[in-house]
Amino acid sequence: MQWHFKLGLIGLFSLVIFFGLFRLTESPSLVYDEGWYFQTSANLATTGVDGLQFVPSHIEHLSTFVTVGYPVIYPLGLWFKIFSVGVFQGRLLMVFFLITLVVAGYCVALRLYGHRIALAVLALLATFPPLYGNGKSVMGEVPGLLFLVLFLLCFNLMRTGVPRKSILLMLSGLFAGLCIATKPIFILLIPALCIGILCEWKRKTLSWKDIAIGGICTFIPLFVWFVVQFKFDDSLTEILTYYANPYSIGNISEIIIANIGKLFSDVGTLYTMMLTIVWGITLVLRWKHKEKVSGEEIIGFIFSLLIIAAFLRTAGFYRYLFPAQIIALIFFPYSVAYISTLISKKYTWWPHFKVFTLSIFLLAVMGAYQLSFNSWVADAYPSKKTAYWYEYFENIPESVSVFFYNTPEVVPFIRHRNYFQHLILYDRSLGNEGLPMLTTGVVDKVIVQTNLFTENKEGVFDQYVEEQKAYKYSILKKR
């Protein structure tokens, strides 16, 4: 490896570590979903039950509504048990997942395409703002992607003649199973796996025995998921209904049409479509030229298409496209290089290497600018919200009861367990058993988003007045 490659590697990996750790507890701000998963892991560490507290001294395991599985919750619970519960501690483990994902993505590109393309992949990943917006938070997307990319790496090593094929085959299956168990969105990996494995079987790089061993190893993490996630009396219909339509969307066709428009109306979604379209065009050109496309790339492309298709029937949050973005970034630089090479063969004046280098450089510079100054993660750099909540709850003794009304992202800051919690989902609510303590004015303080307090539907907060405002929240006290 030449010195400038080594320098680039050191610089880009240093960039990942820096932005991964920079303003770790404040950027991005804790969000609703992160509060769920943080609480679930913290409760597992302190009480042995992975669930949420709705009334004091009782943890309720939620089979369906906590959609991040044990591959995240259990390691984080163990991490909390060793290093104590805290936002910094939790996010530090997430940064480990993030950095390992980048390393694994680089290794996949290196195996498939060589040093130059791998360095380009690293440049795009290191400067991609959503990687840090999603990856620093206690969420399931980056750990799931890590298991997926580790599967791709082991699958490539296994089928290309590296020694210890049987071990790599088993690792491939285990990583695929862990990926699927991490979050329901990764169930979309299953059809992509089937198609990619079928292609490799037809090429005779896999035997039926290999497929059977890999399938068994994939099933093991899924079996563990079923055992630890669900209870015997859980309704399969309710689980599948929630996973298929968690936001209780009524008119699916209208949502799909609206989300198709979103794909081409925002910089982030346009970037995603550009990556995917260029990648797809390259695959068609390679097929026309009768060039072999690796099973890893086939799996990655189909998975990305399925993620985009699934986005169309959701509430339209852009983070649902994030898994497709990361996988596309791993394969995009080679697509640019391939198309540029084809042009240079037809037009000898075409500066292939310069075009490729300039394209990657410009995309990385734009990403670095957004990461530093103009993105969701950058907007939170000046924030002091986490520090505020830690300081606030430092002065709240255990004798003061607190009611968290649909604010699970604030619960991680409380220092005791004398609290109630009520959560409002799209067509249902959780923690209703504690509501009488709120409506009758028994609890001492209430944390609620200001807009909900202002609306005060059904007179829920009639017994309370606003004591102070903090960011988008109102802190209430008894009248």
Protein backbone atom coordinates (compact mmCIF):
# COMPACT_ATOMS: atom_id res chain seq x y z
CA MET A 1 0.00 0.00 0.00
CA GLN A 2 1.41 3.40 -1.02
CA TRP A 3 2.03 6.11 1.56
CA HIS A 4 -0.81 8.36 0.38
CA PHE A 5 -3.30 5.49 0.84
CA LYS A 6 -2.03 4.98 4.38
CA LEU A 7 -2.30 8.69 5.08
CA GLY A 8 -5.84 8.73 3.71
CA LEU A 9 -6.83 5.77 5.86
CA ILE A 10 -5.44 7.34 9.01
CA GLY A 11 -7.09 10.68 8.27
CA LEU A 12 -10.52 9.26 7.43
CA PHE A 13 -10.65 6.83 10.35
CA SER A 14 -9.59 9.67 12.64
CA LEU A 15 -12.46 11.71 11.22
CA VAL A 16 -14.92 8.92 12.04
CA ILE A 17 -13.66 8.66 15.61
CA PHE A 18 -13.70 12.45 16.07
CA PHE A 19 -17.24 13.03 14.81
CA GLY A 20 -18.42 9.87 16.54
CA LEU A 21 -17.31 11.20 19.91
CA PHE A 22 -17.81 14.95 19.35
CA ARG A 23 -20.56 16.34 21.61
CA LEU A 24 -21.60 12.75 22.20
CA THR A 25 -24.29 13.36 24.82
CA GLU A 26 -25.81 16.41 23.11
CA SER A 27 -25.62 15.69 19.39
CA PRO A 28 -28.03 14.44 18.31
CA SER A 29 -30.60 15.16 21.01
CA LEU A 30 -32.28 12.18 22.63
CA VAL A 31 -35.42 11.38 20.65
CA TYR A 32 -38.62 9.51 21.42
CA ASP A 33 -37.55 6.07 20.18
CA GLU A 34 -34.13 6.31 21.77
CA GLY A 35 -35.83 6.88 25.12
CA TRP A 36 -37.67 3.56 24.74
CA TYR A 37 -34.57 1.54 23.94
CA PHE A 38 -32.43 3.29 26.53
CA GLN A 39 -34.97 2.58 29.26
CA THR A 40 -35.37 -1.04 28.17
CA SER A 41 -31.62 -1.71 28.39
CA ALA A 42 -31.20 0.27 31.61
CA ASN A 43 -34.04 -1.63 33.27
CA LEU A 44 -32.51 -4.92 32.14
CA ALA A 45 -29.23 -3.90 33.77
CA THR A 46 -30.77 -2.75 37.05
CA THR A 47 -33.77 -5.06 37.50
CA GLY A 48 -33.16 -8.00 35.16
CA VAL A 49 -36.31 -7.25 33.12
CA ASP A 50 -36.08 -5.73 29.64
CA GLY A 51 -39.08 -3.42 29.61
CA LEU A 52 -40.48 -0.05 30.61
CA GLN A 53 -41.70 1.27 33.95
CA PHE A 54 -45.20 2.73 33.82
CA VAL A 55 -45.86 2.75 37.56
CA PRO A 56 -43.26 2.75 40.35
CA SER A 57 -41.47 -0.52 41.11
CA HIS A 58 -42.94 -2.46 38.18
CA ILE A 59 -41.17 -3.15 34.86
CA GLU A 60 -43.39 -4.35 32.01
CA HIS A 61 -41.87 -6.35 29.16
CA LEU A 62 -43.28 -5.16 25.84
CA SER A 63 -43.13 -7.85 23.20
CA THR A 64 -44.48 -5.94 20.23
CA PHE A 65 -43.87 -2.24 20.68
CA VAL A 66 -40.13 -2.29 21.48
CA THR A 67 -38.92 -3.08 17.98
CA VAL A 68 -35.18 -3.19 18.68
CA GLY A 69 -34.23 -6.75 19.56
CA TYR A 70 -31.82 -8.43 21.93
CA PRO A 71 -28.72 -7.99 19.69
CA VAL A 72 -28.79 -4.35 20.85
CA ILE A 73 -30.75 -4.43 24.12
CA TYR A 74 -28.76 -7.21 25.80
CA PRO A 75 -25.23 -5.96 25.00
CA LEU A 76 -26.28 -2.47 26.08
CA GLY A 77 -27.79 -3.86 29.28
CA LEU A 78 -24.52 -5.66 30.04
CA TRP A 79 -22.59 -2.49 29.20
CA PHE A 80 -24.74 -0.52 31.67
CA LYS A 81 -24.23 -3.18 34.33
CA ILE A 82 -20.46 -2.88 33.99
CA PHE A 83 -20.07 0.87 33.48
CA SER A 84 -23.30 2.19 35.11
CA VAL A 85 -26.34 3.71 33.40
CA GLY A 86 -25.93 7.03 31.62
CA VAL A 87 -26.36 8.76 28.28
CA PHE A 88 -22.61 8.98 27.74
CA GLN A 89 -22.09 5.31 28.55
CA GLY A 90 -24.93 4.17 26.29
CA ARG A 91 -23.88 6.27 23.36
CA LEU A 92 -20.26 5.25 23.75
CA LEU A 93 -21.27 1.67 22.94
CA MET A 94 -23.22 2.96 19.93
CA VAL A 95 -20.07 4.72 18.69
CA PHE A 96 -18.26 1.38 18.91
CA PHE A 97 -20.95 -0.12 16.63
CA LEU A 98 -20.61 2.89 14.30
CA ILE A 99 -16.83 2.68 13.98
CA THR A 100 -16.93 -1.10 13.52
CA LEU A 101 -19.54 -0.67 10.78
CA VAL A 102 -17.25 1.72 8.89
CA VAL A 103 -14.31 -0.68 9.26
CA ALA A 104 -16.43 -3.59 8.03
CA GLY A 105 -17.72 -1.56 5.07
CA TYR A 106 -14.16 -0.66 4.13
CA CYS A 107 -13.12 -4.32 4.35
CA VAL A 108 -15.98 -5.46 2.10
CA ALA A 109 -15.03 -2.89 -0.54
CA LEU A 110 -11.36 -3.83 -0.20
CA ARG A 111 -12.16 -7.51 -0.76
CA LEU A 112 -14.35 -6.80 -3.78
CA TYR A 113 -12.66 -3.87 -5.51
CA GLY A 114 -9.22 -3.10 -4.09
CA HIS A 115 -7.55 -0.25 -2.21
CA ARG A 116 -8.62 2.72 -4.32
CA ILE A 117 -12.33 1.94 -4.29
CA ALA A 118 -12.19 0.98 -0.61
CA LEU A 119 -10.63 4.35 0.24
CA ALA A 120 -13.41 6.10 -1.71
CA VAL A 121 -16.02 4.10 0.21
CA LEU A 122 -14.38 5.13 3.47
CA ALA A 123 -14.40 8.80 2.39
CA LEU A 124 -18.15 8.72 1.67
CA LEU A 125 -19.03 6.84 4.86
CA ALA A 126 -16.85 9.02 7.08
CA THR A 127 -18.51 12.22 5.83
CA PHE A 128 -22.11 10.98 5.70
CA PRO A 129 -24.10 12.97 8.32
CA PRO A 130 -26.95 10.44 8.84
CA LEU A 131 -24.36 7.87 9.90
CA TYR A 132 -23.71 9.97 13.00
CA GLY A 133 -27.30 11.15 13.42
CA ASN A 134 -28.53 7.56 13.55
CA GLY A 135 -25.36 5.87 14.79
CA LYS A 136 -24.61 7.88 17.94
CA SER A 137 -28.15 7.40 19.26
CA VAL A 138 -29.28 4.26 21.06
CA MET A 139 -31.10 2.88 18.04
CA GLY A 140 -31.10 -0.35 16.06
CA GLU A 141 -30.17 0.72 12.54
CA VAL A 142 -26.37 0.89 12.84
CA PRO A 143 -25.98 -2.34 14.86
CA GLY A 144 -28.25 -4.11 12.37
CA LEU A 145 -26.24 -2.77 9.46
CA LEU A 146 -23.03 -3.84 11.18
CA PHE A 147 -24.29 -7.44 11.35
CA LEU A 148 -25.40 -7.21 7.72
CA VAL A 149 -22.03 -5.94 6.49
CA LEU A 150 -20.20 -8.52 8.61
CA PHE A 151 -22.36 -11.14 6.91
CA LEU A 152 -21.35 -9.79 3.50
CA LEU A 153 -17.68 -9.87 4.52
CA CYS A 154 -17.79 -13.43 5.89
CA PHE A 155 -19.87 -14.58 2.91
CA ASN A 156 -17.26 -13.18 0.54
CA LEU A 157 -14.38 -14.76 2.45
CA MET A 158 -16.19 -18.08 2.61
CA ARG A 159 -17.01 -18.39 -1.08
CA THR A 160 -13.67 -17.11 -2.40
CA GLY A 161 -11.52 -19.91 -1.05
CA VAL A 162 -10.21 -18.44 2.17
CA PRO A 163 -9.22 -21.20 4.65
CA ARG A 164 -11.64 -22.27 7.42
CA LYS A 165 -14.62 -22.17 5.10
CA SER A 166 -16.87 -24.00 7.57
CA ILE A 167 -16.26 -21.41 10.29
CA LEU A 168 -16.87 -18.54 7.88
CA LEU A 169 -20.04 -20.23 6.67
CA MET A 170 -21.37 -20.49 10.22
CA LEU A 171 -20.38 -16.89 10.98
CA SER A 172 -22.19 -15.76 7.83
CA GLY A 173 -25.37 -17.42 9.03
CA LEU A 174 -25.05 -16.10 12.58
CA PHE A 175 -24.47 -12.52 11.41
CA ALA A 176 -27.42 -12.72 9.00
CA GLY A 177 -29.65 -14.00 11.81
CA LEU A 178 -28.45 -11.30 14.24
CA CYS A 179 -29.16 -8.65 11.61
CA ILE A 180 -32.73 -9.83 11.09
CA ALA A 181 -33.31 -10.09 14.85
CA THR A 182 -32.07 -6.55 15.48
CA LYS A 183 -35.04 -4.70 13.98
CA PRO A 184 -38.12 -5.72 11.94
CA ILE A 185 -36.99 -3.64 8.94
CA PHE A 186 -34.13 -6.11 8.48
CA ILE A 187 -36.61 -8.91 7.80
CA LEU A 188 -36.35 -7.55 4.25
CA LEU A 189 -32.90 -9.15 4.15
CA ILE A 190 -34.51 -12.61 3.88
CA PRO A 191 -35.70 -12.37 0.23
CA ALA A 192 -32.42 -10.68 -0.74
CA LEU A 193 -30.51 -13.55 0.88
CA CYS A 194 -32.56 -16.14 -0.95
CA ILE A 195 -31.88 -14.58 -4.36
CA GLY A 196 -28.17 -13.99 -3.73
CA ILE A 197 -27.63 -17.50 -2.39
CA LEU A 198 -29.53 -19.00 -5.32
CA CYS A 199 -27.23 -17.16 -7.73
CA GLU A 200 -24.14 -18.50 -5.99
CA TRP A 201 -25.60 -22.01 -5.94
CA LYS A 202 -26.14 -21.85 -9.71
CA ARG A 203 -22.51 -20.78 -10.05
CA LYS A 204 -21.58 -23.84 -7.96
CA THR A 205 -19.78 -21.78 -5.31
CA LEU A 206 -22.31 -23.07 -2.75
CA SER A 207 -23.63 -26.58 -2.23
CA TRP A 208 -26.93 -27.64 -0.70
CA LYS A 209 -24.96 -28.69 2.36
CA ASP A 210 -23.48 -25.19 2.63
CA ILE A 211 -26.92 -23.64 2.30
CA ALA A 212 -28.34 -25.95 4.97
CA ILE A 213 -25.55 -25.19 7.45
CA GLY A 214 -25.85 -21.46 6.80
CA GLY A 215 -29.64 -21.66 7.17
CA ILE A 216 -29.40 -23.43 10.52
CA CYS A 217 -26.90 -20.85 11.80
CA THR A 218 -29.21 -18.06 10.62
CA PHE A 219 -32.15 -19.63 12.43
CA ILE A 220 -30.35 -19.83 15.80
CA PRO A 221 -30.35 -16.03 16.48
CA LEU A 222 -33.94 -15.85 15.22
CA PHE A 223 -35.00 -18.61 17.61
CA VAL A 224 -33.35 -16.75 20.48
CA TRP A 225 -35.21 -13.60 19.38
CA PHE A 226 -38.57 -15.38 19.52
CA VAL A 227 -37.79 -16.79 22.97
CA VAL A 228 -36.63 -13.53 24.61
CA GLN A 229 -38.86 -11.08 22.73
CA PHE A 230 -42.29 -12.71 22.78
CA LYS A 231 -44.47 -14.33 25.41
CA PHE A 232 -46.63 -17.44 24.98
CA ASP A 233 -49.85 -15.45 25.21
CA ASP A 234 -48.81 -12.82 22.64
CA SER A 235 -51.13 -12.54 19.68
CA LEU A 236 -49.34 -13.41 16.44
CA THR A 237 -51.93 -11.42 14.52
CA GLU A 238 -51.34 -8.31 16.63
CA ILE A 239 -47.55 -8.63 16.28
CA LEU A 240 -47.68 -9.02 12.49
CA THR A 241 -50.22 -6.22 12.17
CA TYR A 242 -48.06 -3.84 14.16
CA TYR A 243 -44.87 -4.74 12.29
CA ALA A 244 -46.64 -4.35 8.94
CA ASN A 245 -48.27 -1.01 9.82
CA PRO A 246 -46.82 0.47 13.04
CA TYR A 247 -48.27 3.92 12.37
CA SER A 248 -51.79 2.62 11.75
CA ILE A 249 -51.89 4.27 8.34
CA GLY A 250 -55.35 4.12 6.84
CA ASN A 251 -55.14 5.07 3.16
CA ILE A 252 -51.96 3.31 2.03
CA SER A 253 -52.28 4.46 -1.60
CA GLU A 254 -52.26 8.15 -0.63
CA ILE A 255 -49.23 7.62 1.61
CA ILE A 256 -47.36 5.81 -1.17
CA ILE A 257 -48.02 8.63 -3.63
CA ALA A 258 -46.91 11.24 -1.09
CA ASN A 259 -43.73 9.31 -0.27
CA ILE A 260 -42.86 8.88 -3.95
CA GLY A 261 -42.90 12.66 -4.13
CA LYS A 262 -40.62 12.84 -1.07
CA LEU A 263 -38.07 10.63 -2.80
CA PHE A 264 -37.46 13.39 -5.33
CA SER A 265 -38.12 16.53 -3.30
CA ASP A 266 -35.36 16.60 -0.67
CA VAL A 267 -31.57 16.65 -0.86
CA GLY A 268 -31.23 13.53 1.30
CA THR A 269 -33.73 11.46 -0.63
CA LEU A 270 -32.41 12.69 -3.97
CA TYR A 271 -28.95 11.60 -2.88
CA THR A 272 -30.33 8.17 -2.01
CA MET A 273 -32.02 7.84 -5.39
CA MET A 274 -28.87 9.00 -7.19
CA LEU A 275 -26.79 6.36 -5.42
CA THR A 276 -29.30 3.62 -6.18
CA ILE A 277 -29.94 4.59 -9.80
CA VAL A 278 -26.23 4.83 -10.67
CA TRP A 279 -25.66 1.50 -8.94
CA GLY A 280 -28.57 -0.07 -10.82
CA ILE A 281 -27.39 1.26 -14.21
CA THR A 282 -23.95 -0.19 -13.54
CA LEU A 283 -25.40 -3.60 -12.72
CA VAL A 284 -27.37 -3.58 -15.99
CA LEU A 285 -24.26 -2.61 -17.97
CA ARG A 286 -22.20 -5.32 -16.29
CA TRP A 287 -24.92 -7.87 -17.04
CA LYS A 288 -24.96 -6.79 -20.70
CA HIS A 289 -21.20 -7.23 -20.84
CA LYS A 290 -21.61 -10.67 -19.27
CA GLU A 291 -19.55 -9.69 -16.22
CA LYS A 292 -20.14 -11.62 -13.02
CA VAL A 293 -21.74 -9.69 -10.16
CA SER A 294 -20.89 -11.06 -6.73
CA GLY A 295 -23.56 -12.57 -4.53
CA GLU A 296 -22.74 -9.94 -1.92
CA GLU A 297 -23.57 -7.14 -4.33
CA ILE A 298 -26.75 -8.85 -5.48
CA ILE A 299 -27.91 -9.22 -1.89
CA GLY A 300 -27.01 -5.61 -1.10
CA PHE A 301 -28.81 -4.20 -4.14
CA ILE A 302 -32.02 -6.17 -3.63
CA PHE A 303 -32.03 -5.30 0.07
CA SER A 304 -31.63 -1.59 -0.77
CA LEU A 305 -34.49 -1.71 -3.28
CA LEU A 306 -36.73 -3.42 -0.73
CA ILE A 307 -35.86 -0.76 1.88
CA ILE A 308 -36.86 2.01 -0.54
CA ALA A 309 -40.07 0.15 -1.43
CA ALA A 310 -40.87 -0.31 2.27
CA PHE A 311 -40.29 3.41 2.88
CA LEU A 312 -43.15 4.21 0.52
CA ARG A 313 -45.73 2.69 2.86
CA THR A 314 -44.46 4.27 6.09
CA ALA A 315 -45.05 7.62 7.75
CA GLY A 316 -42.23 8.97 5.57
CA PHE A 317 -39.47 9.50 8.12
CA TYR A 318 -36.19 9.73 6.20
CA ARG A 319 -34.28 7.55 8.66
CA TYR A 320 -36.20 4.56 7.25
CA LEU A 321 -34.07 4.98 4.11
CA PHE A 322 -30.85 4.94 6.13
CA PRO A 323 -30.06 1.20 5.73
CA ALA A 324 -30.37 1.52 1.94
CA GLN A 325 -28.12 4.59 1.98
CA ILE A 326 -25.28 2.88 3.85
CA ILE A 327 -25.33 -0.25 1.70
CA ALA A 328 -25.49 1.85 -1.49
CA LEU A 329 -22.50 3.93 -0.35
CA ILE A 330 -20.40 0.75 -0.08
CA PHE A 331 -21.06 -0.16 -3.73
CA PHE A 332 -21.46 3.32 -5.28
CA PRO A 333 -17.77 4.25 -5.82
CA TYR A 334 -17.14 1.16 -7.92
CA SER A 335 -20.21 2.04 -9.99
CA VAL A 336 -18.80 5.51 -10.68
CA ALA A 337 -15.42 4.04 -11.59
CA TYR A 338 -17.02 1.44 -13.88
CA ILE A 339 -19.13 3.94 -15.81
CA SER A 340 -16.21 6.35 -16.12
CA THR A 341 -14.02 3.53 -17.44
CA LEU A 342 -16.61 2.60 -20.08
CA ILE A 343 -16.74 6.22 -21.24
CA SER A 344 -12.95 6.41 -21.43
CA LYS A 345 -12.90 3.30 -23.67
CA LYS A 346 -15.24 5.01 -26.11
CA TYR A 347 -13.76 8.48 -25.83
CA THR A 348 -10.01 8.37 -25.34
CA TRP A 349 -9.91 11.99 -24.21
CA TRP A 350 -12.07 11.23 -21.18
CA PRO A 351 -9.95 11.63 -18.00
CA HIS A 352 -11.28 8.55 -16.20
CA PHE A 353 -9.16 8.69 -13.05
CA LYS A 354 -9.61 12.45 -12.60
CA VAL A 355 -13.39 12.22 -13.04
CA PHE A 356 -13.66 9.41 -10.51
CA THR A 357 -11.41 11.15 -7.97
CA LEU A 358 -13.14 14.51 -8.39
CA SER A 359 -16.62 12.93 -8.07
CA ILE A 360 -15.79 11.19 -4.79
CA PHE A 361 -13.90 14.23 -3.49
CA LEU A 362 -16.81 16.61 -4.15
CA LEU A 363 -19.34 14.28 -2.54
CA ALA A 364 -17.08 13.84 0.49
CA VAL A 365 -16.53 17.59 0.81
CA MET A 366 -20.26 18.29 0.61
CA GLY A 367 -20.87 15.60 3.21
CA ALA A 368 -18.17 17.00 5.49
CA TYR A 369 -19.68 20.49 5.21
CA GLN A 370 -23.13 19.21 6.16
CA LEU A 371 -21.68 17.11 8.96
CA SER A 372 -19.92 20.17 10.35
CA PHE A 373 -22.44 22.96 9.76
CA ASN A 374 -25.74 22.06 8.13
CA SER A 375 -27.39 18.82 9.24
CA TRP A 376 -29.54 17.43 12.01
CA VAL A 377 -26.47 16.28 13.91
CA ALA A 378 -24.66 19.59 13.36
CA ASP A 379 -27.68 21.62 14.50
CA ALA A 380 -27.39 19.96 17.92
CA TYR A 381 -23.71 20.74 18.49
CA PRO A 382 -24.48 23.90 20.52
CA SER A 383 -27.26 22.18 22.49
CA LYS A 384 -27.16 21.86 26.27
CA LYS A 385 -30.38 19.87 26.61
CA THR A 386 -28.78 16.76 28.10
CA ALA A 387 -26.84 18.84 30.60
CA TYR A 388 -30.02 20.71 31.52
CA TRP A 389 -32.00 17.55 32.29
CA TYR A 390 -29.18 16.03 34.32
CA GLU A 391 -28.94 19.20 36.38
CA TYR A 392 -32.72 19.43 36.79
CA PHE A 393 -33.18 15.89 38.07
CA GLU A 394 -30.13 16.19 40.31
CA ASN A 395 -32.33 18.38 42.50
CA ILE A 396 -35.44 16.15 42.43
CA PRO A 397 -35.41 13.87 45.51
CA GLU A 398 -37.04 10.45 45.59
CA SER A 399 -39.86 11.82 47.72
CA VAL A 400 -41.04 13.89 44.72
CA SER A 401 -43.11 11.80 42.31
CA VAL A 402 -42.84 12.57 38.58
CA PHE A 403 -45.20 11.77 35.72
CA PHE A 404 -43.66 11.52 32.24
CA TYR A 405 -46.51 12.13 29.82
CA ASN A 406 -45.42 10.76 26.41
CA THR A 407 -41.82 11.83 26.97
CA PRO A 408 -39.79 8.60 27.13
CA GLU A 409 -36.70 10.50 25.95
CA VAL A 410 -36.62 12.43 29.26
CA VAL A 411 -36.97 9.38 31.54
CA PRO A 412 -33.27 8.36 31.27
CA PHE A 413 -32.29 11.43 33.30
CA ILE A 414 -34.30 10.76 36.45
CA ARG A 415 -32.22 9.46 39.39
CA HIS A 416 -34.89 7.41 41.17
CA ARG A 417 -37.84 5.14 40.43
CA ASN A 418 -40.67 7.16 41.95
CA TYR A 419 -42.14 7.98 38.55
CA PHE A 420 -45.07 7.15 36.29
CA GLN A 421 -45.06 7.02 32.52
CA HIS A 422 -47.78 7.22 29.87
CA LEU A 423 -47.08 6.72 26.17
CA ILE A 424 -49.33 7.63 23.26
CA LEU A 425 -48.96 5.61 20.08
CA TYR A 426 -50.86 6.22 16.88
CA ASP A 427 -53.98 4.23 17.69
CA ARG A 428 -53.30 3.06 21.23
CA SER A 429 -51.65 4.10 24.49
CA LEU A 430 -49.52 2.42 27.13
CA GLY A 431 -49.37 3.03 30.85
CA ASN A 432 -53.06 3.83 31.30
CA GLU A 433 -53.02 2.36 34.79
CA GLY A 434 -51.13 5.37 36.08
CA LEU A 435 -53.35 8.05 34.51
CA PRO A 436 -55.65 8.44 37.58
CA MET A 437 -52.59 9.61 39.53
CA LEU A 438 -52.33 12.45 37.02
CA THR A 439 -55.96 13.39 36.55
CA THR A 440 -56.57 13.50 40.31
CA GLY A 441 -53.45 15.55 41.00
CA VAL A 442 -51.62 12.97 43.13
CA VAL A 443 -48.19 13.16 41.48
CA ASP A 444 -46.00 16.14 42.29
CA LYS A 445 -44.53 17.06 38.88
CA VAL A 446 -45.37 16.37 35.25
CA ILE A 447 -43.05 16.45 32.23
CA VAL A 448 -44.98 16.93 28.98
CA GLN A 449 -44.43 18.48 25.59
CA THR A 450 -45.73 22.03 25.64
CA ASN A 451 -48.09 21.52 22.71
CA LEU A 452 -49.83 18.64 24.50
CA PHE A 453 -50.15 20.69 27.67
CA THR A 454 -51.59 23.61 25.72
CA GLU A 455 -54.16 21.38 24.01
CA ASN A 456 -55.00 19.63 27.34
CA LYS A 457 -57.38 17.22 25.68
CA GLU A 458 -59.99 15.73 28.02
CA GLY A 459 -58.70 17.91 30.86
CA VAL A 460 -55.80 15.59 31.71
CA PHE A 461 -53.74 18.43 33.22
CA ASP A 462 -56.52 20.34 35.00
CA GLN A 463 -54.86 19.81 38.38
CA TYR A 464 -51.56 21.37 37.27
CA VAL A 465 -50.03 24.66 36.18
CA GLU A 466 -46.87 25.33 34.24
CA GLU A 467 -43.89 25.83 36.51
CA GLN A 468 -41.32 26.36 33.77
CA LYS A 469 -40.52 25.61 30.15
CA ALA A 470 -37.48 23.68 28.97
CA TYR A 471 -36.91 23.50 25.22
CA LYS A 472 -40.10 21.96 23.76
CA TYR A 473 -41.26 20.69 27.18
CA SER A 474 -43.37 22.09 30.01
CA ILE A 475 -42.68 21.15 33.61
CA LEU A 476 -45.91 21.23 35.62
CA LYS A 477 -46.59 21.47 39.33
CA LYS A 478 -49.76 21.10 41.38
CA ARG A 479 -52.15 24.04 41.50
